[in-house]
Amino acid sequence: MASKVIIKQKQDEVKGIVEKIKKAQSVILVDYRGLTVTQDTTLRVEMRKENIEYKVIKNRLMLRALNDAGFKGFDEILQNPTAVAFGYDDAVTPAKILADNSKKLNNKFLILKGGVAEGKMLDDKEVTALAKIPAKPVLIAQLLGLLTSPMRSLAVGINEVAKKKA
């Protein structure tokens, strides 16, 4: 039987993970088996640049933390070795980085398993769909283009009418 000290340490660790889950915009779970040290190091560096915390957490502790945070149903997903990416700045970037690295490795060694984004549980397909959303600056540029398009069309139309009368 585990000693009270070890149980207390694990409870504290679960509390810390719950805080990270609540603070994060997204939490993405991946199976990382087969990554070389170089590939893993490159991935971690890329994650750090984007303020994403990427770490390996024991499945039991992660499952308990997700349950404590109000997310049930991760029993199936948390099988085999699992790494976790906590995205604090936005929900899309962790999924995008992991999906891009997974493609580079031919979807063999870095497999998207699921996660949580903005309070909603995601399966592997939803994480892949999340990764396909353009980055925030691109979305803003697209929105601005859509907003200015009618005005641009009106200006061109008025200019054409003025040219015909002249």
C-alpha atoms as a PDB file:
ATOM      1  CA  MET A   1       0.000   0.000   0.000  1.00  0.00           C
ATOM      2  CA  ALA A   2       1.253   3.481  -0.877  1.00  0.00           C
ATOM      3  CA  SER A   3       2.385   5.635   1.989  1.00  0.00           C
ATOM      4  CA  LYS A   4       0.501   8.773   2.981  1.00  0.00           C
ATOM      5  CA  VAL A   5       3.411  10.908   1.762  1.00  0.00           C
ATOM      6  CA  ILE A   6       3.278   9.416  -1.747  1.00  0.00           C
ATOM      7  CA  ILE A   7      -0.515   9.726  -1.875  1.00  0.00           C
ATOM      8  CA  LYS A   8      -0.246  13.395  -0.825  1.00  0.00           C
ATOM      9  CA  GLN A   9       2.408  14.027  -3.514  1.00  0.00           C
ATOM     10  CA  LYS A  10       0.196  12.492  -6.203  1.00  0.00           C
ATOM     11  CA  GLN A  11      -2.841  14.486  -5.022  1.00  0.00           C
ATOM     12  CA  ASP A  12      -0.783  17.684  -5.215  1.00  0.00           C
ATOM     13  CA  GLU A  13       0.429  16.726  -8.687  1.00  0.00           C
ATOM     14  CA  VAL A  14      -3.166  16.124  -9.845  1.00  0.00           C
ATOM     15  CA  LYS A  15      -4.206  19.521  -8.424  1.00  0.00           C
ATOM     16  CA  GLY A  16      -1.399  21.154 -10.400  1.00  0.00           C
ATOM     17  CA  ILE A  17      -2.511  19.432 -13.607  1.00  0.00           C
ATOM     18  CA  VAL A  18      -6.140  20.485 -12.991  1.00  0.00           C
ATOM     19  CA  GLU A  19      -4.975  24.116 -12.668  1.00  0.00           C
ATOM     20  CA  LYS A  20      -3.101  23.822 -15.973  1.00  0.00           C
ATOM     21  CA  ILE A  21      -6.171  22.327 -17.682  1.00  0.00           C
ATOM     22  CA  LYS A  22      -8.373  25.159 -16.428  1.00  0.00           C
ATOM     23  CA  LYS A  23      -5.826  27.825 -17.394  1.00  0.00           C
ATOM     24  CA  ALA A  24      -5.163  26.413 -20.888  1.00  0.00           C
ATOM     25  CA  GLN A  25      -7.101  27.348 -24.015  1.00  0.00           C
ATOM     26  CA  SER A  26      -6.498  23.810 -25.262  1.00  0.00           C
ATOM     27  CA  VAL A  27      -5.050  20.534 -24.031  1.00  0.00           C
ATOM     28  CA  ILE A  28      -3.951  18.151 -26.778  1.00  0.00           C
ATOM     29  CA  LEU A  29      -3.068  14.504 -26.106  1.00  0.00           C
ATOM     30  CA  VAL A  30      -0.682  12.601 -28.388  1.00  0.00           C
ATOM     31  CA  ASP A  31       0.927   9.191 -28.581  1.00  0.00           C
ATOM     32  CA  TYR A  32       4.628   9.918 -28.990  1.00  0.00           C
ATOM     33  CA  ARG A  33       5.998   6.357 -29.231  1.00  0.00           C
ATOM     34  CA  GLY A  34       8.767   6.004 -31.778  1.00  0.00           C
ATOM     35  CA  LEU A  35      10.014   9.608 -31.750  1.00  0.00           C
ATOM     36  CA  THR A  36      13.763   9.922 -31.722  1.00  0.00           C
ATOM     37  CA  VAL A  37      15.419  12.178 -29.172  1.00  0.00           C
ATOM     38  CA  THR A  38      16.211  14.684 -31.937  1.00  0.00           C
ATOM     39  CA  GLN A  39      12.609  14.757 -33.171  1.00  0.00           C
ATOM     40  CA  ASP A  40      11.283  15.146 -29.631  1.00  0.00           C
ATOM     41  CA  THR A  41      13.769  17.929 -28.847  1.00  0.00           C
ATOM     42  CA  THR A  42      12.829  19.780 -32.054  1.00  0.00           C
ATOM     43  CA  LEU A  43       9.156  19.468 -31.167  1.00  0.00           C
ATOM     44  CA  ARG A  44       9.732  20.752 -27.627  1.00  0.00           C
ATOM     45  CA  VAL A  45      11.700  23.761 -28.903  1.00  0.00           C
ATOM     46  CA  GLU A  46       8.917  24.604 -31.362  1.00  0.00           C
ATOM     47  CA  MET A  47       6.338  24.294 -28.566  1.00  0.00           C
ATOM     48  CA  ARG A  48       8.305  26.523 -26.183  1.00  0.00           C
ATOM     49  CA  LYS A  49       8.534  29.279 -28.818  1.00  0.00           C
ATOM     50  CA  GLU A  50       4.718  29.419 -28.885  1.00  0.00           C
ATOM     51  CA  ASN A  51       4.267  29.341 -25.065  1.00  0.00           C
ATOM     52  CA  ILE A  52       2.990  25.765 -25.143  1.00  0.00           C
ATOM     53  CA  GLU A  53       3.849  23.458 -22.277  1.00  0.00           C
ATOM     54  CA  TYR A  54       4.573  19.962 -23.598  1.00  0.00           C
ATOM     55  CA  LYS A  55       5.226  17.131 -21.182  1.00  0.00           C
ATOM     56  CA  VAL A  56       4.680  13.468 -20.510  1.00  0.00           C
ATOM     57  CA  ILE A  57       2.252  12.833 -17.654  1.00  0.00           C
ATOM     58  CA  LYS A  58       1.267   9.437 -16.299  1.00  0.00           C
ATOM     59  CA  ASN A  59      -2.075   8.340 -17.744  1.00  0.00           C
ATOM     60  CA  ARG A  60      -3.666   7.690 -14.339  1.00  0.00           C
ATOM     61  CA  LEU A  61      -2.750  11.152 -13.075  1.00  0.00           C
ATOM     62  CA  MET A  62      -3.930  12.814 -16.297  1.00  0.00           C
ATOM     63  CA  LEU A  63      -7.204  10.873 -16.228  1.00  0.00           C
ATOM     64  CA  ARG A  64      -7.863  11.848 -12.614  1.00  0.00           C
ATOM     65  CA  ALA A  65      -7.018  15.501 -13.390  1.00  0.00           C
ATOM     66  CA  LEU A  66      -9.333  15.564 -16.417  1.00  0.00           C
ATOM     67  CA  ASN A  67     -12.134  14.012 -14.347  1.00  0.00           C
ATOM     68  CA  ASP A  68     -11.551  16.551 -11.558  1.00  0.00           C
ATOM     69  CA  ALA A  69     -11.659  19.345 -14.145  1.00  0.00           C
ATOM     70  CA  GLY A  70     -15.050  18.074 -15.332  1.00  0.00           C
ATOM     71  CA  PHE A  71     -14.045  16.147 -18.468  1.00  0.00           C
ATOM     72  CA  LYS A  72     -15.227  12.547 -18.415  1.00  0.00           C
ATOM     73  CA  GLY A  73     -14.701   9.899 -21.086  1.00  0.00           C
ATOM     74  CA  PHE A  74     -10.941   9.954 -21.535  1.00  0.00           C
ATOM     75  CA  ASP A  75     -10.473   6.331 -20.370  1.00  0.00           C
ATOM     76  CA  GLU A  76     -10.172   5.049 -23.966  1.00  0.00           C
ATOM     77  CA  ILE A  77      -7.917   7.887 -25.121  1.00  0.00           C
ATOM     78  CA  LEU A  78      -5.470   7.582 -22.231  1.00  0.00           C
ATOM     79  CA  GLN A  79      -4.063   4.206 -23.231  1.00  0.00           C
ATOM     80  CA  ASN A  80      -0.393   3.730 -24.143  1.00  0.00           C
ATOM     81  CA  PRO A  81       2.218   6.437 -23.543  1.00  0.00           C
ATOM     82  CA  THR A  82       0.714   9.910 -23.766  1.00  0.00           C
ATOM     83  CA  ALA A  83       2.250  13.366 -24.016  1.00  0.00           C
ATOM     84  CA  VAL A  84       0.222  16.478 -23.289  1.00  0.00           C
ATOM     85  CA  ALA A  85       0.430  19.943 -24.856  1.00  0.00           C
ATOM     86  CA  PHE A  86      -1.100  22.789 -22.839  1.00  0.00           C
ATOM     87  CA  GLY A  87      -1.770  25.794 -25.085  1.00  0.00           C
ATOM     88  CA  TYR A  88      -2.141  28.938 -23.023  1.00  0.00           C
ATOM     89  CA  ASP A  89      -2.270  31.652 -25.705  1.00  0.00           C
ATOM     90  CA  ASP A  90      -4.735  30.158 -28.181  1.00  0.00           C
ATOM     91  CA  ALA A  91      -6.547  26.892 -28.814  1.00  0.00           C
ATOM     92  CA  VAL A  92      -5.326  26.227 -32.350  1.00  0.00           C
ATOM     93  CA  THR A  93      -1.526  26.473 -32.194  1.00  0.00           C
ATOM     94  CA  PRO A  94      -0.796  23.299 -30.148  1.00  0.00           C
ATOM     95  CA  ALA A  95      -2.990  21.197 -32.448  1.00  0.00           C
ATOM     96  CA  LYS A  96      -1.419  22.805 -35.530  1.00  0.00           C
ATOM     97  CA  ILE A  97       2.178  22.183 -34.389  1.00  0.00           C
ATOM     98  CA  LEU A  98       1.462  18.585 -33.394  1.00  0.00           C
ATOM     99  CA  ALA A  99      -0.465  17.861 -36.617  1.00  0.00           C
ATOM    100  CA  ASP A 100       2.304  19.395 -38.754  1.00  0.00           C
ATOM    101  CA  ASN A 101       4.958  17.334 -36.981  1.00  0.00           C
ATOM    102  CA  SER A 102       2.777  14.243 -37.306  1.00  0.00           C
ATOM    103  CA  LYS A 103       2.560  14.790 -41.088  1.00  0.00           C
ATOM    104  CA  LYS A 104       6.338  15.198 -41.290  1.00  0.00           C
ATOM    105  CA  LEU A 105       6.641  11.788 -39.638  1.00  0.00           C
ATOM    106  CA  ASN A 106       3.999  10.238 -41.951  1.00  0.00           C
ATOM    107  CA  ASN A 107       1.534   9.927 -39.036  1.00  0.00           C
ATOM    108  CA  LYS A 108       3.569   7.029 -37.647  1.00  0.00           C
ATOM    109  CA  PHE A 109       5.244   8.243 -34.487  1.00  0.00           C
ATOM    110  CA  LEU A 110       3.212  11.225 -33.316  1.00  0.00           C
ATOM    111  CA  ILE A 111      -0.469  10.314 -33.262  1.00  0.00           C
ATOM    112  CA  LEU A 112      -3.152  12.782 -32.232  1.00  0.00           C
ATOM    113  CA  LYS A 113      -5.395  11.123 -29.656  1.00  0.00           C
ATOM    114  CA  GLY A 114      -7.821  13.838 -28.548  1.00  0.00           C
ATOM    115  CA  GLY A 115      -8.022  16.649 -26.080  1.00  0.00           C
ATOM    116  CA  VAL A 116      -9.955  19.617 -24.791  1.00  0.00           C
ATOM    117  CA  ALA A 117     -10.359  23.003 -26.465  1.00  0.00           C
ATOM    118  CA  GLU A 118     -12.191  25.924 -24.897  1.00  0.00           C
ATOM    119  CA  GLY A 119     -14.116  23.668 -22.533  1.00  0.00           C
ATOM    120  CA  LYS A 120     -15.153  21.038 -25.087  1.00  0.00           C
ATOM    121  CA  MET A 121     -13.880  17.462 -25.278  1.00  0.00           C
ATOM    122  CA  LEU A 122     -12.332  16.593 -28.666  1.00  0.00           C
ATOM    123  CA  ASP A 123     -11.618  13.272 -30.334  1.00  0.00           C
ATOM    124  CA  ASP A 124      -8.712  12.733 -32.746  1.00  0.00           C
ATOM    125  CA  LYS A 125     -10.706  13.870 -35.806  1.00  0.00           C
ATOM    126  CA  GLU A 126     -11.795  17.083 -34.084  1.00  0.00           C
ATOM    127  CA  VAL A 127      -8.197  17.823 -33.077  1.00  0.00           C
ATOM    128  CA  THR A 128      -7.166  17.344 -36.719  1.00  0.00           C
ATOM    129  CA  ALA A 129      -9.960  19.707 -37.808  1.00  0.00           C
ATOM    130  CA  LEU A 130      -8.848  22.230 -35.170  1.00  0.00           C
ATOM    131  CA  ALA A 131      -5.316  22.079 -36.572  1.00  0.00           C
ATOM    132  CA  LYS A 132      -6.605  23.088 -40.024  1.00  0.00           C
ATOM    133  CA  ILE A 133      -8.009  26.403 -38.775  1.00  0.00           C
ATOM    134  CA  PRO A 134      -5.755  29.237 -39.980  1.00  0.00           C
ATOM    135  CA  ALA A 135      -3.667  31.160 -37.465  1.00  0.00           C
ATOM    136  CA  LYS A 136      -5.240  34.180 -35.770  1.00  0.00           C
ATOM    137  CA  PRO A 137      -3.427  36.837 -37.900  1.00  0.00           C
ATOM    138  CA  VAL A 138      -4.557  35.039 -41.077  1.00  0.00           C
ATOM    139  CA  LEU A 139      -8.155  34.918 -39.846  1.00  0.00           C
ATOM    140  CA  ILE A 140      -8.063  38.634 -39.022  1.00  0.00           C
ATOM    141  CA  ALA A 141      -6.686  39.432 -42.489  1.00  0.00           C
ATOM    142  CA  GLN A 142      -9.412  37.312 -44.111  1.00  0.00           C
ATOM    143  CA  LEU A 143     -12.091  39.069 -42.050  1.00  0.00           C
ATOM    144  CA  LEU A 144     -10.754  42.495 -42.979  1.00  0.00           C
ATOM    145  CA  GLY A 145     -10.690  41.458 -46.641  1.00  0.00           C
ATOM    146  CA  LEU A 146     -14.326  40.395 -46.428  1.00  0.00           C
ATOM    147  CA  LEU A 147     -15.322  43.623 -44.699  1.00  0.00           C
ATOM    148  CA  THR A 148     -13.566  45.883 -47.215  1.00  0.00           C
ATOM    149  CA  SER A 149     -14.677  43.941 -50.306  1.00  0.00           C
ATOM    150  CA  PRO A 150     -18.142  45.593 -50.652  1.00  0.00           C
ATOM    151  CA  MET A 151     -16.649  49.061 -50.232  1.00  0.00           C
ATOM    152  CA  ARG A 152     -13.974  48.303 -52.818  1.00  0.00           C
ATOM    153  CA  SER A 153     -16.618  47.048 -55.269  1.00  0.00           C
ATOM    154  CA  LEU A 154     -18.713  50.180 -54.729  1.00  0.00           C
ATOM    155  CA  ALA A 155     -15.686  52.446 -55.285  1.00  0.00           C
ATOM    156  CA  VAL A 156     -14.790  50.616 -58.522  1.00  0.00           C
ATOM    157  CA  GLY A 157     -18.409  50.841 -59.717  1.00  0.00           C
ATOM    158  CA  ILE A 158     -18.622  54.576 -59.025  1.00  0.00           C
ATOM    159  CA  ASN A 159     -15.274  55.106 -60.740  1.00  0.00           C
ATOM    160  CA  GLU A 160     -16.495  53.225 -63.865  1.00  0.00           C
ATOM    161  CA  VAL A 161     -19.670  55.321 -64.002  1.00  0.00           C
ATOM    162  CA  ALA A 162     -17.593  58.506 -63.700  1.00  0.00           C
ATOM    163  CA  LYS A 163     -15.306  57.344 -66.536  1.00  0.00           C
ATOM    164  CA  LYS A 164     -18.297  56.691 -68.863  1.00  0.00           C
ATOM    165  CA  LYS A 165     -19.736  60.176 -68.280  1.00  0.00           C
ATOM    166  CA  ALA A 166     -16.400  61.893 -68.871  1.00  0.00           C
END
